[in-house]
Amino acid sequence: MISAEEKDKIKEEIVTKVNSVLEKNNESFRMDKVNILNKNETVKFMGNYRVYDRKNYNSVSSEINTFLKKYGDVDIKSKKIRDSGMKFTTVSFNFEL
C-alpha cells in the first residue's frame, strides 16, 4: 500500500503538470484536485480536465497522456461537450498503483 505522503506527492505532481500544460496552451481551465479511491491492494487515482480550444486538444492531451503513462496503465476517456453554447472537450483519467 502507498503511504499518505506518496499519495499526496503524486496528486500534487499530476495537478501541477496538467495545469502547466493547460497554461502553456492558453487554456482557461485549471485542475483543482485528483481524487483517490483506496482499495484493499491498490490505490486508484482519478481526475479530469477540460480543453476549450479544440485546436489545442491534440497537443494538450498528447503531452498529458505521455506524462500520466509513467504511472503505468492509464484509462483515458474524452468527450466533446456543448453546454449553453460553450464547446469544450472533457477528459477523464484514472490509474491504479
N, C-alpha and C. Protein backbone atom coordinates (compact mmCIF):
# COMPACT_ATOMS: atom_id res chain seq x y z
N MET A 1 0.85 -1.19 0.00
CA MET A 1 0.00 0.00 0.00
C MET A 1 0.88 1.24 0.00
N ILE A 2 0.42 2.25 -0.65
CA ILE A 2 1.15 3.51 -0.79
C ILE A 2 0.90 4.38 0.45
N SER A 3 1.95 5.03 0.93
CA SER A 3 1.80 5.88 2.10
C SER A 3 1.04 7.16 1.75
N ALA A 4 0.51 7.81 2.77
CA ALA A 4 -0.24 9.06 2.59
C ALA A 4 0.65 10.13 1.96
N GLU A 5 1.93 10.17 2.33
CA GLU A 5 2.86 11.15 1.77
C GLU A 5 3.06 10.91 0.28
N GLU A 6 3.18 9.63 -0.11
CA GLU A 6 3.34 9.31 -1.53
C GLU A 6 2.10 9.67 -2.32
N LYS A 7 0.92 9.40 -1.76
CA LYS A 7 -0.33 9.76 -2.43
C LYS A 7 -0.40 11.26 -2.66
N ASP A 8 -0.09 12.03 -1.62
CA ASP A 8 -0.13 13.49 -1.73
C ASP A 8 0.87 13.99 -2.77
N LYS A 9 2.05 13.39 -2.80
CA LYS A 9 3.07 13.79 -3.76
C LYS A 9 2.60 13.52 -5.19
N ILE A 10 2.01 12.36 -5.43
CA ILE A 10 1.51 12.01 -6.77
C ILE A 10 0.38 12.94 -7.17
N LYS A 11 -0.56 13.20 -6.25
CA LYS A 11 -1.67 14.11 -6.55
C LYS A 11 -1.15 15.49 -6.93
N GLU A 12 -0.22 16.01 -6.15
CA GLU A 12 0.33 17.34 -6.42
C GLU A 12 1.08 17.37 -7.75
N GLU A 13 1.83 16.31 -8.04
CA GLU A 13 2.58 16.21 -9.28
C GLU A 13 1.64 16.25 -10.49
N ILE A 14 0.53 15.52 -10.41
CA ILE A 14 -0.42 15.46 -11.52
C ILE A 14 -1.08 16.82 -11.72
N VAL A 15 -1.57 17.44 -10.65
CA VAL A 15 -2.23 18.74 -10.76
C VAL A 15 -1.27 19.78 -11.34
N THR A 16 -0.05 19.80 -10.86
CA THR A 16 0.95 20.76 -11.34
C THR A 16 1.24 20.57 -12.82
N LYS A 17 1.44 19.32 -13.23
CA LYS A 17 1.76 19.04 -14.64
C LYS A 17 0.59 19.38 -15.55
N VAL A 18 -0.61 18.92 -15.21
CA VAL A 18 -1.79 19.19 -16.04
C VAL A 18 -2.01 20.69 -16.18
N ASN A 19 -1.94 21.41 -15.07
CA ASN A 19 -2.15 22.86 -15.12
C ASN A 19 -1.07 23.58 -15.91
N SER A 20 0.17 23.10 -15.83
CA SER A 20 1.25 23.75 -16.60
C SER A 20 1.04 23.54 -18.10
N VAL A 21 0.58 22.35 -18.49
CA VAL A 21 0.32 22.09 -19.92
C VAL A 21 -0.86 22.94 -20.40
N LEU A 22 -1.91 23.02 -19.59
CA LEU A 22 -3.07 23.83 -19.96
C LEU A 22 -2.68 25.31 -20.08
N GLU A 23 -1.89 25.78 -19.13
CA GLU A 23 -1.46 27.19 -19.15
C GLU A 23 -0.58 27.47 -20.36
N LYS A 24 0.32 26.56 -20.65
CA LYS A 24 1.23 26.71 -21.79
C LYS A 24 0.45 26.83 -23.11
N ASN A 25 -0.71 26.18 -23.17
CA ASN A 25 -1.53 26.20 -24.38
C ASN A 25 -2.67 27.23 -24.29
N ASN A 26 -2.55 28.17 -23.37
CA ASN A 26 -3.52 29.26 -23.20
C ASN A 26 -4.95 28.78 -22.96
N GLU A 27 -5.08 27.70 -22.23
CA GLU A 27 -6.40 27.20 -21.85
C GLU A 27 -6.81 27.84 -20.53
N SER A 28 -8.10 28.13 -20.37
CA SER A 28 -8.56 28.83 -19.17
C SER A 28 -8.84 27.88 -18.01
N PHE A 29 -9.08 26.60 -18.27
CA PHE A 29 -9.42 25.65 -17.22
C PHE A 29 -8.18 25.29 -16.40
N ARG A 30 -8.36 25.12 -15.08
CA ARG A 30 -7.30 24.63 -14.20
C ARG A 30 -7.85 23.50 -13.34
N MET A 31 -7.08 22.47 -13.20
CA MET A 31 -7.47 21.32 -12.38
C MET A 31 -7.26 21.65 -10.91
N ASP A 32 -8.26 21.36 -10.07
CA ASP A 32 -8.16 21.63 -8.64
C ASP A 32 -7.52 20.49 -7.87
N LYS A 33 -7.98 19.27 -8.18
CA LYS A 33 -7.51 18.14 -7.38
C LYS A 33 -7.63 16.84 -8.15
N VAL A 34 -6.99 15.83 -7.59
CA VAL A 34 -7.09 14.45 -8.07
C VAL A 34 -7.74 13.67 -6.94
N ASN A 35 -8.73 12.87 -7.27
CA ASN A 35 -9.42 12.06 -6.27
C ASN A 35 -8.73 10.71 -6.11
N ILE A 36 -8.87 10.14 -4.91
CA ILE A 36 -8.26 8.85 -4.60
C ILE A 36 -9.32 7.90 -4.07
N LEU A 37 -9.22 6.66 -4.54
CA LEU A 37 -10.06 5.58 -4.03
C LEU A 37 -9.13 4.51 -3.47
N ASN A 38 -9.17 4.31 -2.17
CA ASN A 38 -8.33 3.30 -1.54
C ASN A 38 -9.01 1.93 -1.64
N LYS A 39 -8.31 0.98 -2.24
CA LYS A 39 -8.81 -0.38 -2.35
C LYS A 39 -7.97 -1.28 -1.44
N ASN A 40 -8.33 -2.55 -1.34
CA ASN A 40 -7.57 -3.47 -0.48
C ASN A 40 -6.09 -3.52 -0.82
N GLU A 41 -5.80 -3.72 -2.09
CA GLU A 41 -4.41 -3.92 -2.52
C GLU A 41 -3.82 -2.72 -3.26
N THR A 42 -4.67 -1.87 -3.79
CA THR A 42 -4.19 -0.78 -4.64
C THR A 42 -4.85 0.55 -4.26
N VAL A 43 -4.36 1.60 -4.89
CA VAL A 43 -4.94 2.93 -4.75
C VAL A 43 -5.26 3.42 -6.15
N LYS A 44 -6.49 3.90 -6.35
CA LYS A 44 -6.91 4.39 -7.66
C LYS A 44 -6.91 5.92 -7.64
N PHE A 45 -6.23 6.51 -8.62
CA PHE A 45 -6.16 7.96 -8.78
C PHE A 45 -7.08 8.34 -9.94
N MET A 46 -7.93 9.36 -9.74
CA MET A 46 -8.89 9.77 -10.76
C MET A 46 -8.92 11.28 -10.89
N GLY A 47 -9.02 11.76 -12.11
CA GLY A 47 -9.09 13.19 -12.33
C GLY A 47 -9.70 13.52 -13.67
N ASN A 48 -9.94 14.80 -13.90
CA ASN A 48 -10.44 15.24 -15.20
C ASN A 48 -10.04 16.69 -15.44
N TYR A 49 -10.02 17.03 -16.71
CA TYR A 49 -9.71 18.39 -17.11
C TYR A 49 -10.48 18.71 -18.39
N ARG A 50 -10.50 19.99 -18.76
CA ARG A 50 -11.21 20.44 -19.96
C ARG A 50 -10.26 21.17 -20.89
N VAL A 51 -10.53 21.01 -22.18
CA VAL A 51 -9.81 21.76 -23.21
C VAL A 51 -10.87 22.52 -24.00
N TYR A 52 -10.83 23.85 -23.93
CA TYR A 52 -11.84 24.67 -24.58
C TYR A 52 -11.53 24.93 -26.06
N ASP A 53 -10.28 25.13 -26.39
CA ASP A 53 -9.91 25.36 -27.79
C ASP A 53 -9.61 24.01 -28.42
N ARG A 54 -10.51 23.55 -29.26
CA ARG A 54 -10.37 22.21 -29.83
C ARG A 54 -9.12 22.07 -30.70
N LYS A 55 -8.59 23.18 -31.18
CA LYS A 55 -7.35 23.12 -31.95
C LYS A 55 -6.18 22.72 -31.05
N ASN A 56 -6.29 22.98 -29.76
CA ASN A 56 -5.24 22.63 -28.80
C ASN A 56 -5.35 21.20 -28.29
N TYR A 57 -6.48 20.57 -28.52
CA TYR A 57 -6.76 19.28 -27.88
C TYR A 57 -5.66 18.24 -28.10
N ASN A 58 -5.23 18.05 -29.36
CA ASN A 58 -4.25 17.00 -29.63
C ASN A 58 -2.93 17.23 -28.91
N SER A 59 -2.42 18.45 -28.94
CA SER A 59 -1.14 18.70 -28.29
C SER A 59 -1.25 18.62 -26.77
N VAL A 60 -2.35 19.15 -26.21
CA VAL A 60 -2.56 19.10 -24.76
C VAL A 60 -2.70 17.65 -24.30
N SER A 61 -3.59 16.91 -24.93
CA SER A 61 -3.85 15.53 -24.49
C SER A 61 -2.63 14.64 -24.70
N SER A 62 -1.91 14.86 -25.78
CA SER A 62 -0.71 14.05 -26.03
C SER A 62 0.33 14.24 -24.93
N GLU A 63 0.59 15.48 -24.56
CA GLU A 63 1.60 15.75 -23.52
C GLU A 63 1.15 15.23 -22.15
N ILE A 64 -0.12 15.44 -21.82
CA ILE A 64 -0.63 14.98 -20.53
C ILE A 64 -0.67 13.45 -20.48
N ASN A 65 -1.12 12.82 -21.56
CA ASN A 65 -1.19 11.35 -21.59
C ASN A 65 0.19 10.72 -21.46
N THR A 66 1.17 11.30 -22.12
CA THR A 66 2.55 10.80 -22.01
C THR A 66 3.03 10.88 -20.57
N PHE A 67 2.73 12.00 -19.91
CA PHE A 67 3.11 12.16 -18.50
C PHE A 67 2.40 11.13 -17.63
N LEU A 68 1.09 10.96 -17.80
CA LEU A 68 0.32 10.03 -16.95
C LEU A 68 0.76 8.59 -17.12
N LYS A 69 1.22 8.23 -18.31
CA LYS A 69 1.60 6.83 -18.58
C LYS A 69 2.85 6.42 -17.81
N LYS A 70 3.54 7.37 -17.22
CA LYS A 70 4.70 7.00 -16.39
C LYS A 70 4.24 6.24 -15.13
N TYR A 71 2.94 6.35 -14.81
CA TYR A 71 2.38 5.65 -13.66
C TYR A 71 1.88 4.25 -14.02
N GLY A 72 1.99 3.87 -15.29
CA GLY A 72 1.54 2.54 -15.72
C GLY A 72 0.34 2.65 -16.64
N ASP A 73 -0.53 1.65 -16.58
CA ASP A 73 -1.73 1.63 -17.42
C ASP A 73 -2.71 2.70 -16.97
N VAL A 74 -3.04 3.59 -17.88
CA VAL A 74 -3.95 4.69 -17.58
C VAL A 74 -5.18 4.56 -18.47
N ASP A 75 -6.35 4.64 -17.88
CA ASP A 75 -7.60 4.64 -18.64
C ASP A 75 -7.96 6.10 -18.89
N ILE A 76 -8.00 6.49 -20.18
CA ILE A 76 -8.26 7.88 -20.54
C ILE A 76 -9.48 7.92 -21.46
N LYS A 77 -10.44 8.77 -21.12
CA LYS A 77 -11.64 8.92 -21.94
C LYS A 77 -11.87 10.40 -22.20
N SER A 78 -12.27 10.72 -23.43
CA SER A 78 -12.58 12.11 -23.75
C SER A 78 -13.95 12.18 -24.41
N LYS A 79 -14.57 13.33 -24.25
CA LYS A 79 -15.91 13.53 -24.80
C LYS A 79 -16.08 15.00 -25.17
N LYS A 80 -16.59 15.24 -26.37
CA LYS A 80 -16.86 16.61 -26.80
C LYS A 80 -18.20 17.03 -26.20
N ILE A 81 -18.22 18.23 -25.62
CA ILE A 81 -19.39 18.74 -24.91
C ILE A 81 -19.81 20.08 -25.53
N ARG A 82 -21.09 20.29 -25.62
CA ARG A 82 -21.65 21.60 -25.98
C ARG A 82 -22.64 21.94 -24.90
N ASP A 83 -22.28 22.90 -24.06
CA ASP A 83 -23.10 23.25 -22.90
C ASP A 83 -23.39 24.75 -22.92
N SER A 84 -24.63 25.11 -23.04
CA SER A 84 -25.06 26.52 -23.04
C SER A 84 -24.26 27.34 -24.05
N GLY A 85 -24.05 26.77 -25.22
CA GLY A 85 -23.32 27.49 -26.27
C GLY A 85 -21.81 27.34 -26.20
N MET A 86 -21.29 26.85 -25.08
CA MET A 86 -19.84 26.65 -24.96
C MET A 86 -19.49 25.27 -25.49
N LYS A 87 -18.38 25.21 -26.21
CA LYS A 87 -17.89 23.92 -26.70
C LYS A 87 -16.56 23.63 -26.00
N PHE A 88 -16.40 22.42 -25.55
CA PHE A 88 -15.13 22.01 -24.96
C PHE A 88 -15.04 20.49 -25.00
N THR A 89 -13.86 19.99 -24.77
CA THR A 89 -13.64 18.55 -24.67
C THR A 89 -13.27 18.25 -23.23
N THR A 90 -13.99 17.33 -22.62
CA THR A 90 -13.66 16.93 -21.26
C THR A 90 -12.89 15.62 -21.33
N VAL A 91 -11.85 15.53 -20.52
CA VAL A 91 -11.01 14.35 -20.50
C VAL A 91 -10.96 13.84 -19.06
N SER A 92 -11.25 12.55 -18.89
CA SER A 92 -11.14 11.94 -17.56
C SER A 92 -10.09 10.84 -17.64
N PHE A 93 -9.40 10.64 -16.54
CA PHE A 93 -8.37 9.61 -16.49
C PHE A 93 -8.39 8.93 -15.13
N ASN A 94 -7.89 7.70 -15.11
CA ASN A 94 -7.69 7.00 -13.85
C ASN A 94 -6.65 5.92 -14.02
N PHE A 95 -5.96 5.61 -12.93
CA PHE A 95 -4.97 4.55 -12.93
C PHE A 95 -4.83 4.04 -11.50
N GLU A 96 -4.33 2.81 -11.40
CA GLU A 96 -4.14 2.20 -10.08
C GLU A 96 -2.67 1.92 -9.84
N LEU A 97 -2.27 2.12 -8.60
CA LEU A 97 -0.89 1.79 -8.18
C LEU A 97 -0.96 0.81 -7.02
